[in-house]
């Protein structure tokens, strides 16, 4: 099943307006500027001494240049941060909220009681989807945008065209097993009203994604150096992050992905064996993988 995909912002080349800030390079440039300025001044004043002490750390002018170079480094870093705030791939917090306002896409309140708003990562995805909603022809991305934003409990949506003019819109809940409530499913349907959003000819059906339960258990073999409990904790955290990344409708949970996640989360690993699931878990467009548990066993082996 091929789901609607957006441009992967993480794969974009670093923008040219974000410069590499190098304190040593800045200091060397300032020393060269002072040296050349002094030498040029001595052309008219040959009685002045040569400046040959810029390599000495205790030279007063060098200390001053180091302070100036440090402040310039901070200033350039600040300019970089300000530039990142204007780019969707890097913007965070209230800066990201301002970008969302350009597309009439405010950050969603997902927990009114505790006043918890959606994360930057989730919000960034919806801002990126927003231009899809500008169309009046009902493209796939438009269905995804309106369905996702229809209810605070929803974190993902997908639109499927099984036949002719029928459109199945499948939604995923953020919490629990991922099964959306009837209220959320109805909200998604109402958000796709033919009066304001979709073409009159589209026969839309909204439904919850079905969970495919999978327990994750991996065995990590290490040498005698690393601390087993540290390895276990770090690998468990990395596996949980991978679980969250794969908690999407129609997105597979890969065994090699579990191996890669476990390895990335800990050092000193000799081997990672995935004991469960036995193979990739591949849902269709109407379901998602629901990881019910993550267990990491650590075994110390001889080098």
C-alpha atoms as a PDB file:
ATOM      1  CA  UNK A   1       0.000   0.000   0.000  1.00  0.00           C
ATOM      2  CA  UNK A   2       1.366   3.391  -1.003  1.00  0.00           C
ATOM      3  CA  UNK A   3       0.214   6.210   1.215  1.00  0.00           C
ATOM      4  CA  UNK A   4       0.346   9.933   0.543  1.00  0.00           C
ATOM      5  CA  UNK A   5       3.883  11.142   1.111  1.00  0.00           C
ATOM      6  CA  UNK A   6       5.269  14.597   1.664  1.00  0.00           C
ATOM      7  CA  UNK A   7       8.710  15.917   0.919  1.00  0.00           C
ATOM      8  CA  UNK A   8      11.054  14.597   3.619  1.00  0.00           C
ATOM      9  CA  UNK A   9      12.389  17.803   5.144  1.00  0.00           C
ATOM     10  CA  UNK A  10      15.217  15.942   6.867  1.00  0.00           C
ATOM     11  CA  UNK A  11      16.650  15.026   3.475  1.00  0.00           C
ATOM     12  CA  UNK A  12      16.976  18.615   2.276  1.00  0.00           C
ATOM     13  CA  UNK A  13      20.490  19.969   1.910  1.00  0.00           C
ATOM     14  CA  UNK A  14      21.431  22.490   4.609  1.00  0.00           C
ATOM     15  CA  UNK A  15      20.321  25.970   3.480  1.00  0.00           C
ATOM     16  CA  UNK A  16      23.062  28.247   2.197  1.00  0.00           C
ATOM     17  CA  UNK A  17      21.997  31.096   4.499  1.00  0.00           C
ATOM     18  CA  UNK A  18      23.013  29.006   7.540  1.00  0.00           C
ATOM     19  CA  UNK A  19      26.765  29.495   7.719  1.00  0.00           C
ATOM     20  CA  UNK A  20      29.294  27.375   9.543  1.00  0.00           C
ATOM     21  CA  UNK A  21      30.544  29.341  12.545  1.00  0.00           C
ATOM     22  CA  UNK A  22      34.210  28.717  13.374  1.00  0.00           C
ATOM     23  CA  UNK A  23      35.722  30.704  16.231  1.00  0.00           C
ATOM     24  CA  UNK A  24      39.313  29.869  15.228  1.00  0.00           C
ATOM     25  CA  UNK A  25      38.694  30.973  11.643  1.00  0.00           C
ATOM     26  CA  UNK A  26      37.125  34.228  12.828  1.00  0.00           C
ATOM     27  CA  UNK A  27      40.067  34.903  15.155  1.00  0.00           C
ATOM     28  CA  UNK A  28      42.591  34.157  12.407  1.00  0.00           C
ATOM     29  CA  UNK A  29      40.742  36.477  10.023  1.00  0.00           C
ATOM     30  CA  UNK A  30      40.766  39.290  12.568  1.00  0.00           C
ATOM     31  CA  UNK A  31      44.469  38.818  13.256  1.00  0.00           C
ATOM     32  CA  UNK A  32      45.152  38.944   9.511  1.00  0.00           C
ATOM     33  CA  UNK A  33      43.077  42.113   9.199  1.00  0.00           C
ATOM     34  CA  UNK A  34      44.930  43.819  12.075  1.00  0.00           C
ATOM     35  CA  UNK A  35      48.281  42.741  10.627  1.00  0.00           C
ATOM     36  CA  UNK A  36      47.496  44.037   7.132  1.00  0.00           C
ATOM     37  CA  UNK A  37      46.076  47.298   8.499  1.00  0.00           C
ATOM     38  CA  UNK A  38      49.204  47.880  10.604  1.00  0.00           C
ATOM     39  CA  UNK A  39      51.520  47.076   7.704  1.00  0.00           C
ATOM     40  CA  UNK A  40      49.609  49.488   5.454  1.00  0.00           C
ATOM     41  CA  UNK A  41      49.851  52.198   8.127  1.00  0.00           C
ATOM     42  CA  UNK A  42      53.604  51.692   8.416  1.00  0.00           C
ATOM     43  CA  UNK A  43      54.015  52.536   4.744  1.00  0.00           C
ATOM     44  CA  UNK A  44      53.454  56.171   5.677  1.00  0.00           C
ATOM     45  CA  UNK A  45      55.108  55.788   9.072  1.00  0.00           C
ATOM     46  CA  UNK A  46      58.218  53.651   8.552  1.00  0.00           C
ATOM     47  CA  UNK A  47      59.423  54.680  12.006  1.00  0.00           C
ATOM     48  CA  UNK A  48      56.768  52.506  13.611  1.00  0.00           C
ATOM     49  CA  UNK A  49      57.829  48.996  14.750  1.00  0.00           C
ATOM     50  CA  UNK A  50      56.711  45.873  12.970  1.00  0.00           C
ATOM     51  CA  UNK A  51      53.829  43.934  14.452  1.00  0.00           C
ATOM     52  CA  UNK A  52      55.209  40.449  15.072  1.00  0.00           C
ATOM     53  CA  UNK A  53      53.573  39.420  18.354  1.00  0.00           C
ATOM     54  CA  UNK A  54      50.149  38.244  17.208  1.00  0.00           C
ATOM     55  CA  UNK A  55      51.165  34.629  17.776  1.00  0.00           C
ATOM     56  CA  UNK A  56      51.670  35.261  21.511  1.00  0.00           C
ATOM     57  CA  UNK A  57      48.664  34.445  23.699  1.00  0.00           C
ATOM     58  CA  UNK A  58      49.760  36.960  26.335  1.00  0.00           C
ATOM     59  CA  UNK A  59      49.909  39.852  23.858  1.00  0.00           C
ATOM     60  CA  UNK A  60      47.254  42.409  24.988  1.00  0.00           C
ATOM     61  CA  UNK A  61      45.973  42.979  21.439  1.00  0.00           C
ATOM     62  CA  UNK A  62      45.589  39.207  20.981  1.00  0.00           C
ATOM     63  CA  UNK A  63      43.503  39.000  24.164  1.00  0.00           C
ATOM     64  CA  UNK A  64      41.308  41.820  22.863  1.00  0.00           C
ATOM     65  CA  UNK A  65      40.949  40.100  19.469  1.00  0.00           C
ATOM     66  CA  UNK A  66      39.988  36.844  21.186  1.00  0.00           C
ATOM     67  CA  UNK A  67      37.211  38.635  23.069  1.00  0.00           C
ATOM     68  CA  UNK A  68      35.999  40.319  19.875  1.00  0.00           C
ATOM     69  CA  UNK A  69      36.135  37.030  17.953  1.00  0.00           C
ATOM     70  CA  UNK A  70      34.125  35.291  20.677  1.00  0.00           C
ATOM     71  CA  UNK A  71      31.428  37.961  20.563  1.00  0.00           C
ATOM     72  CA  UNK A  72      31.334  37.758  16.772  1.00  0.00           C
ATOM     73  CA  UNK A  73      30.966  33.986  17.030  1.00  0.00           C
ATOM     74  CA  UNK A  74      27.973  34.416  19.341  1.00  0.00           C
ATOM     75  CA  UNK A  75      26.455  37.020  17.020  1.00  0.00           C
ATOM     76  CA  UNK A  76      26.823  34.823  13.938  1.00  0.00           C
ATOM     77  CA  UNK A  77      25.314  31.879  15.810  1.00  0.00           C
ATOM     78  CA  UNK A  78      22.391  34.094  16.781  1.00  0.00           C
ATOM     79  CA  UNK A  79      21.890  35.101  13.138  1.00  0.00           C
ATOM     80  CA  UNK A  80      21.856  31.389  12.244  1.00  0.00           C
ATOM     81  CA  UNK A  81      19.215  30.724  14.896  1.00  0.00           C
ATOM     82  CA  UNK A  82      17.075  33.591  13.594  1.00  0.00           C
ATOM     83  CA  UNK A  83      17.359  32.247  10.056  1.00  0.00           C
ATOM     84  CA  UNK A  84      16.374  28.727  11.179  1.00  0.00           C
ATOM     85  CA  UNK A  85      13.274  30.160  12.864  1.00  0.00           C
ATOM     86  CA  UNK A  86      11.996  31.164   9.406  1.00  0.00           C
ATOM     87  CA  UNK A  87      12.427  27.684   7.900  1.00  0.00           C
ATOM     88  CA  UNK A  88       9.817  24.964   8.349  1.00  0.00           C
ATOM     89  CA  UNK A  89      12.410  22.206   8.650  1.00  0.00           C
ATOM     90  CA  UNK A  90      14.108  23.888  11.635  1.00  0.00           C
ATOM     91  CA  UNK A  91      11.553  26.169  13.260  1.00  0.00           C
ATOM     92  CA  UNK A  92      10.313  25.266  16.751  1.00  0.00           C
ATOM     93  CA  UNK A  93       8.032  26.604  19.456  1.00  0.00           C
ATOM     94  CA  UNK A  94       6.307  29.917  18.935  1.00  0.00           C
ATOM     95  CA  UNK A  95       8.369  30.546  15.791  1.00  0.00           C
ATOM     96  CA  UNK A  96       6.717  27.459  14.285  1.00  0.00           C
ATOM     97  CA  UNK A  97       3.342  28.817  15.401  1.00  0.00           C
ATOM     98  CA  UNK A  98       4.009  31.945  13.340  1.00  0.00           C
ATOM     99  CA  UNK A  99       4.747  29.834  10.262  1.00  0.00           C
ATOM    100  CA  UNK A 100       1.525  27.927  10.845  1.00  0.00           C
ATOM    101  CA  UNK A 101      -0.406  31.191  10.970  1.00  0.00           C
ATOM    102  CA  UNK A 102       0.691  31.909   7.381  1.00  0.00           C
ATOM    103  CA  UNK A 103      -1.314  28.844   6.310  1.00  0.00           C
ATOM    104  CA  UNK A 104      -4.232  29.409   8.700  1.00  0.00           C
ATOM    105  CA  UNK A 105      -3.126  26.279  10.565  1.00  0.00           C
ATOM    106  CA  UNK A 106      -2.890  26.894  14.319  1.00  0.00           C
ATOM    107  CA  UNK A 107      -1.275  24.378  16.640  1.00  0.00           C
ATOM    108  CA  UNK A 108      -3.909  21.974  17.936  1.00  0.00           C
ATOM    109  CA  UNK A 109      -4.836  21.647  21.602  1.00  0.00           C
ATOM    110  CA  UNK A 110      -4.826  17.879  22.199  1.00  0.00           C
ATOM    111  CA  UNK A 111      -5.550  17.899  25.940  1.00  0.00           C
ATOM    112  CA  UNK A 112      -7.817  20.786  26.996  1.00  0.00           C
ATOM    113  CA  UNK A 113      -7.786  19.774  30.658  1.00  0.00           C
ATOM    114  CA  UNK A 114      -4.000  19.931  31.032  1.00  0.00           C
ATOM    115  CA  UNK A 115      -3.587  22.449  28.209  1.00  0.00           C
ATOM    116  CA  UNK A 116      -1.203  20.244  26.230  1.00  0.00           C
ATOM    117  CA  UNK A 117      -0.642  21.156  22.592  1.00  0.00           C
ATOM    118  CA  UNK A 118       0.628  18.922  19.811  1.00  0.00           C
ATOM    119  CA  UNK A 119       4.368  18.474  19.469  1.00  0.00           C
ATOM    120  CA  UNK A 120       6.517  20.476  17.077  1.00  0.00           C
ATOM    121  CA  UNK A 121       7.108  17.386  14.914  1.00  0.00           C
ATOM    122  CA  UNK A 122       3.405  16.628  14.500  1.00  0.00           C
ATOM    123  CA  UNK A 123       2.518  20.284  13.990  1.00  0.00           C
ATOM    124  CA  UNK A 124       5.282  20.688  11.388  1.00  0.00           C
ATOM    125  CA  UNK A 125       3.742  17.842   9.363  1.00  0.00           C
ATOM    126  CA  UNK A 126       0.352  19.544   9.326  1.00  0.00           C
ATOM    127  CA  UNK A 127       1.798  22.895   8.258  1.00  0.00           C
ATOM    128  CA  UNK A 128       3.520  21.071   5.417  1.00  0.00           C
ATOM    129  CA  UNK A 129       0.187  19.488   4.476  1.00  0.00           C
ATOM    130  CA  UNK A 130      -1.719  22.776   4.606  1.00  0.00           C
ATOM    131  CA  UNK A 131      -1.214  23.784   0.929  1.00  0.00           C
ATOM    132  CA  UNK A 132      -2.939  20.517  -0.062  1.00  0.00           C
ATOM    133  CA  UNK A 133      -6.108  21.914   1.505  1.00  0.00           C
ATOM    134  CA  UNK A 134      -6.109  24.918  -0.832  1.00  0.00           C
ATOM    135  CA  UNK A 135      -7.397  22.767  -3.689  1.00  0.00           C
ATOM    136  CA  UNK A 136     -11.122  22.472  -4.361  1.00  0.00           C
ATOM    137  CA  UNK A 137     -10.754  19.198  -6.269  1.00  0.00           C
ATOM    138  CA  UNK A 138     -10.279  16.943  -3.241  1.00  0.00           C
ATOM    139  CA  UNK A 139      -6.709  15.612  -3.637  1.00  0.00           C
ATOM    140  CA  UNK A 140      -5.451  12.923  -1.291  1.00  0.00           C
ATOM    141  CA  UNK A 141      -3.379  15.320   0.778  1.00  0.00           C
ATOM    142  CA  UNK A 142      -6.411  17.516   1.357  1.00  0.00           C
ATOM    143  CA  UNK A 143      -8.388  14.614   2.835  1.00  0.00           C
ATOM    144  CA  UNK A 144      -5.455  13.810   5.115  1.00  0.00           C
ATOM    145  CA  UNK A 145      -5.111  17.412   6.267  1.00  0.00           C
ATOM    146  CA  UNK A 146      -8.766  17.967   7.181  1.00  0.00           C
ATOM    147  CA  UNK A 147      -9.199  14.526   8.761  1.00  0.00           C
ATOM    148  CA  UNK A 148      -6.085  14.840  10.947  1.00  0.00           C
ATOM    149  CA  UNK A 149      -7.122  18.235  12.238  1.00  0.00           C
ATOM    150  CA  UNK A 150     -10.768  17.347  12.835  1.00  0.00           C
ATOM    151  CA  UNK A 151     -10.331  16.064  16.396  1.00  0.00           C
ATOM    152  CA  UNK A 152      -7.634  16.574  19.070  1.00  0.00           C
ATOM    153  CA  UNK A 153      -7.231  12.834  19.653  1.00  0.00           C
ATOM    154  CA  UNK A 154      -6.165  12.090  16.073  1.00  0.00           C
ATOM    155  CA  UNK A 155      -2.515  11.886  15.012  1.00  0.00           C
ATOM    156  CA  UNK A 156      -2.688  10.386  11.521  1.00  0.00           C
ATOM    157  CA  UNK A 157      -5.036   9.878   8.606  1.00  0.00           C
ATOM    158  CA  UNK A 158      -4.986   8.301   5.186  1.00  0.00           C
ATOM    159  CA  UNK A 159      -7.307   8.493   2.175  1.00  0.00           C
ATOM    160  CA  UNK A 160      -7.945   5.454   0.009  1.00  0.00           C
ATOM    161  CA  UNK A 161      -9.880   5.267  -3.256  1.00  0.00           C
ATOM    162  CA  UNK A 162     -11.002   1.599  -3.441  1.00  0.00           C
ATOM    163  CA  UNK A 163     -13.320   2.141  -6.402  1.00  0.00           C
ATOM    164  CA  UNK A 164     -14.843   4.780  -8.619  1.00  0.00           C
ATOM    165  CA  UNK A 165     -15.896   7.806  -6.539  1.00  0.00           C
ATOM    166  CA  UNK A 166     -15.637   6.143  -3.118  1.00  0.00           C
ATOM    167  CA  UNK A 167     -13.084   7.543  -0.665  1.00  0.00           C
ATOM    168  CA  UNK A 168     -12.258   5.730   2.563  1.00  0.00           C
ATOM    169  CA  UNK A 169     -10.665   8.026   5.124  1.00  0.00           C
ATOM    170  CA  UNK A 170      -8.928   6.064   7.867  1.00  0.00           C
ATOM    171  CA  UNK A 171      -7.896   7.851  11.082  1.00  0.00           C
ATOM    172  CA  UNK A 172      -5.537   6.905  13.904  1.00  0.00           C
ATOM    173  CA  UNK A 173      -5.808   7.918  17.551  1.00  0.00           C
ATOM    174  CA  UNK A 174      -2.747   9.275  19.300  1.00  0.00           C
ATOM    175  CA  UNK A 175      -3.200   7.315  22.531  1.00  0.00           C
ATOM    176  CA  UNK A 176      -3.902   3.745  23.552  1.00  0.00           C
ATOM    177  CA  UNK A 177      -4.019   1.103  20.850  1.00  0.00           C
ATOM    178  CA  UNK A 178      -4.706   3.731  18.209  1.00  0.00           C
ATOM    179  CA  UNK A 179      -8.402   2.980  17.790  1.00  0.00           C
ATOM    180  CA  UNK A 180     -10.271   6.235  17.237  1.00  0.00           C
ATOM    181  CA  UNK A 181     -13.454   6.915  19.161  1.00  0.00           C
ATOM    182  CA  UNK A 182     -16.776   7.151  17.349  1.00  0.00           C
ATOM    183  CA  UNK A 183     -16.756  10.857  18.200  1.00  0.00           C
ATOM    184  CA  UNK A 184     -13.412  11.319  16.433  1.00  0.00           C
ATOM    185  CA  UNK A 185     -14.521   9.295  13.404  1.00  0.00           C
ATOM    186  CA  UNK A 186     -17.666  11.434  13.144  1.00  0.00           C
ATOM    187  CA  UNK A 187     -15.615  14.604  13.498  1.00  0.00           C
ATOM    188  CA  UNK A 188     -13.439  13.501  10.586  1.00  0.00           C
ATOM    189  CA  UNK A 189     -16.532  12.885   8.464  1.00  0.00           C
ATOM    190  CA  UNK A 190     -18.002  16.279   9.334  1.00  0.00           C
ATOM    191  CA  UNK A 191     -14.722  17.989   8.542  1.00  0.00           C
ATOM    192  CA  UNK A 192     -14.957  16.572   5.022  1.00  0.00           C
ATOM    193  CA  UNK A 193     -18.351  18.097   4.320  1.00  0.00           C
ATOM    194  CA  UNK A 194     -19.293  18.397   0.625  1.00  0.00           C
ATOM    195  CA  UNK A 195     -20.585  21.878   1.374  1.00  0.00           C
ATOM    196  CA  UNK A 196     -17.167  23.269   2.255  1.00  0.00           C
ATOM    197  CA  UNK A 197     -14.398  20.747   1.686  1.00  0.00           C
ATOM    198  CA  UNK A 198     -14.839  17.862  -0.732  1.00  0.00           C
ATOM    199  CA  UNK A 199     -16.412  17.411  -4.150  1.00  0.00           C
ATOM    200  CA  UNK A 200     -20.118  16.587  -4.109  1.00  0.00           C
ATOM    201  CA  UNK A 201     -19.480  13.458  -6.161  1.00  0.00           C
ATOM    202  CA  UNK A 202     -17.132  11.832  -3.642  1.00  0.00           C
ATOM    203  CA  UNK A 203     -18.730   9.099  -1.536  1.00  0.00           C
ATOM    204  CA  UNK A 204     -16.742   9.485   1.691  1.00  0.00           C
ATOM    205  CA  UNK A 205     -16.586   6.926   4.472  1.00  0.00           C
ATOM    206  CA  UNK A 206     -14.571   7.562   7.644  1.00  0.00           C
ATOM    207  CA  UNK A 207     -13.356   4.815   9.947  1.00  0.00           C
ATOM    208  CA  UNK A 208     -10.750   4.017  12.569  1.00  0.00           C
ATOM    209  CA  UNK A 209      -7.547   2.250  11.737  1.00  0.00           C
ATOM    210  CA  UNK A 210      -7.398  -1.300  13.098  1.00  0.00           C
ATOM    211  CA  UNK A 211      -4.469  -2.209  15.370  1.00  0.00           C
ATOM    212  CA  UNK A 212      -2.190  -5.129  14.629  1.00  0.00           C
ATOM    213  CA  UNK A 213      -0.713  -5.973  18.014  1.00  0.00           C
ATOM    214  CA  UNK A 214       2.968  -6.837  18.142  1.00  0.00           C
ATOM    215  CA  UNK A 215       5.187  -7.479  21.158  1.00  0.00           C
ATOM    216  CA  UNK A 216       8.818  -6.517  20.643  1.00  0.00           C
ATOM    217  CA  UNK A 217      11.519  -8.580  22.293  1.00  0.00           C
ATOM    218  CA  UNK A 218      15.196  -8.309  21.417  1.00  0.00           C
ATOM    219  CA  UNK A 219      18.293 -10.009  22.749  1.00  0.00           C
ATOM    220  CA  UNK A 220      21.413  -7.860  22.848  1.00  0.00           C
ATOM    221  CA  UNK A 221      24.762  -9.566  23.163  1.00  0.00           C
ATOM    222  CA  UNK A 222      27.609  -7.474  24.539  1.00  0.00           C
ATOM    223  CA  UNK A 223      31.240  -7.976  25.528  1.00  0.00           C
ATOM    224  CA  UNK A 224      32.568  -7.622  29.026  1.00  0.00           C
ATOM    225  CA  UNK A 225      33.007  -3.834  28.900  1.00  0.00           C
ATOM    226  CA  UNK A 226      29.590  -2.138  28.727  1.00  0.00           C
ATOM    227  CA  UNK A 227      27.264  -2.081  31.740  1.00  0.00           C
ATOM    228  CA  UNK A 228      24.301  -4.366  30.917  1.00  0.00           C
ATOM    229  CA  UNK A 229      21.687  -2.191  32.611  1.00  0.00           C
ATOM    230  CA  UNK A 230      22.881   0.923  30.802  1.00  0.00           C
ATOM    231  CA  UNK A 231      22.766  -0.919  27.491  1.00  0.00           C
ATOM    232  CA  UNK A 232      19.275  -2.186  28.299  1.00  0.00           C
ATOM    233  CA  UNK A 233      17.964   1.267  29.231  1.00  0.00           C
ATOM    234  CA  UNK A 234      19.462   3.034  26.214  1.00  0.00           C
ATOM    235  CA  UNK A 235      18.340   0.362  23.766  1.00  0.00           C
ATOM    236  CA  UNK A 236      14.823   0.339  25.208  1.00  0.00           C
ATOM    237  CA  UNK A 237      14.554   4.093  24.779  1.00  0.00           C
ATOM    238  CA  UNK A 238      15.810   3.895  21.189  1.00  0.00           C
ATOM    239  CA  UNK A 239      13.357   1.100  20.379  1.00  0.00           C
ATOM    240  CA  UNK A 240      10.498   3.122  21.812  1.00  0.00           C
ATOM    241  CA  UNK A 241      11.465   6.062  19.604  1.00  0.00           C
ATOM    242  CA  UNK A 242      11.440   3.735  16.599  1.00  0.00           C
ATOM    243  CA  UNK A 243       8.004   2.474  17.673  1.00  0.00           C
ATOM    244  CA  UNK A 244       6.671   6.027  17.683  1.00  0.00           C
ATOM    245  CA  UNK A 245       8.096   6.716  14.231  1.00  0.00           C
ATOM    246  CA  UNK A 246       6.373   3.623  12.821  1.00  0.00           C
ATOM    247  CA  UNK A 247       3.024   4.267  14.511  1.00  0.00           C
ATOM    248  CA  UNK A 248       1.351   5.304  11.267  1.00  0.00           C
ATOM    249  CA  UNK A 249      -1.464   3.850   9.227  1.00  0.00           C
ATOM    250  CA  UNK A 250      -0.090   1.326   6.758  1.00  0.00           C
ATOM    251  CA  UNK A 251       3.496   1.698   7.971  1.00  0.00           C
ATOM    252  CA  UNK A 252       5.451  -1.505   8.547  1.00  0.00           C
ATOM    253  CA  UNK A 253       7.427  -2.410  11.641  1.00  0.00           C
ATOM    254  CA  UNK A 254      10.693  -3.819  10.265  1.00  0.00           C
ATOM    255  CA  UNK A 255      12.919  -6.273  12.088  1.00  0.00           C
ATOM    256  CA  UNK A 256      16.030  -4.654  10.615  1.00  0.00           C
ATOM    257  CA  UNK A 257      14.675  -1.324  11.840  1.00  0.00           C
ATOM    258  CA  UNK A 258      14.479  -2.769  15.349  1.00  0.00           C
ATOM    259  CA  UNK A 259      18.064  -3.976  15.055  1.00  0.00           C
ATOM    260  CA  UNK A 260      19.235  -0.576  13.825  1.00  0.00           C
ATOM    261  CA  UNK A 261      17.365   1.231  16.601  1.00  0.00           C
ATOM    262  CA  UNK A 262      18.807  -1.027  19.305  1.00  0.00           C
ATOM    263  CA  UNK A 263      22.330  -0.550  17.974  1.00  0.00           C
ATOM    264  CA  UNK A 264      21.964   3.219  17.728  1.00  0.00           C
ATOM    265  CA  UNK A 265      20.855   3.479  21.330  1.00  0.00           C
ATOM    266  CA  UNK A 266      23.821   1.726  22.946  1.00  0.00           C
ATOM    267  CA  UNK A 267      27.545   1.218  22.446  1.00  0.00           C
ATOM    268  CA  UNK A 268      29.577  -1.955  22.794  1.00  0.00           C
ATOM    269  CA  UNK A 269      26.964  -4.181  21.169  1.00  0.00           C
ATOM    270  CA  UNK A 270      28.225  -7.363  19.531  1.00  0.00           C
ATOM    271  CA  UNK A 271      24.919  -8.618  18.138  1.00  0.00           C
ATOM    272  CA  UNK A 272      21.196  -7.846  18.202  1.00  0.00           C
ATOM    273  CA  UNK A 273      18.720 -10.697  17.784  1.00  0.00           C
ATOM    274  CA  UNK A 274      15.040  -9.908  17.242  1.00  0.00           C
ATOM    275  CA  UNK A 275      13.090 -12.664  18.981  1.00  0.00           C
ATOM    276  CA  UNK A 276       9.701 -11.019  18.422  1.00  0.00           C
ATOM    277  CA  UNK A 277       8.189 -10.255  16.005  1.00  0.00           C
ATOM    278  CA  UNK A 278       9.527 -13.153  13.933  1.00  0.00           C
ATOM    279  CA  UNK A 279       9.183 -11.143  10.708  1.00  0.00           C
ATOM    280  CA  UNK A 280       8.235  -7.693   9.469  1.00  0.00           C
ATOM    281  CA  UNK A 281       4.729  -6.642  10.503  1.00  0.00           C
ATOM    282  CA  UNK A 282       3.151  -5.070   7.426  1.00  0.00           C
ATOM    283  CA  UNK A 283      -0.311  -3.512   7.822  1.00  0.00           C
ATOM    284  CA  UNK A 284      -2.540  -2.473   4.943  1.00  0.00           C
ATOM    285  CA  UNK A 285      -4.073   0.967   4.470  1.00  0.00           C
ATOM    286  CA  UNK A 286      -6.786   0.229   7.000  1.00  0.00           C
ATOM    287  CA  UNK A 287      -4.564  -0.797   9.888  1.00  0.00           C
ATOM    288  CA  UNK A 288      -1.464   0.083  11.892  1.00  0.00           C
ATOM    289  CA  UNK A 289       1.097  -1.673  14.070  1.00  0.00           C
ATOM    290  CA  UNK A 290       0.394  -1.345  17.775  1.00  0.00           C
ATOM    291  CA  UNK A 291       3.447  -2.278  19.817  1.00  0.00           C
ATOM    292  CA  UNK A 292       2.074  -3.705  23.047  1.00  0.00           C
ATOM    293  CA  UNK A 293       5.396  -4.131  24.862  1.00  0.00           C
ATOM    294  CA  UNK A 294       9.148  -3.736  24.440  1.00  0.00           C
ATOM    295  CA  UNK A 295      11.449  -6.173  26.214  1.00  0.00           C
ATOM    296  CA  UNK A 296      15.233  -5.999  25.999  1.00  0.00           C
ATOM    297  CA  UNK A 297      17.346  -8.866  27.283  1.00  0.00           C
ATOM    298  CA  UNK A 298      21.102  -8.371  27.597  1.00  0.00           C
ATOM    299  CA  UNK A 299      23.590 -11.228  27.466  1.00  0.00           C
ATOM    300  CA  UNK A 300      27.301 -10.879  28.198  1.00  0.00           C
ATOM    301  CA  UNK A 301      29.381 -13.078  25.897  1.00  0.00           C
ATOM    302  CA  UNK A 302      33.080 -13.838  25.683  1.00  0.00           C
ATOM    303  CA  UNK A 303      35.039 -11.620  23.339  1.00  0.00           C
END
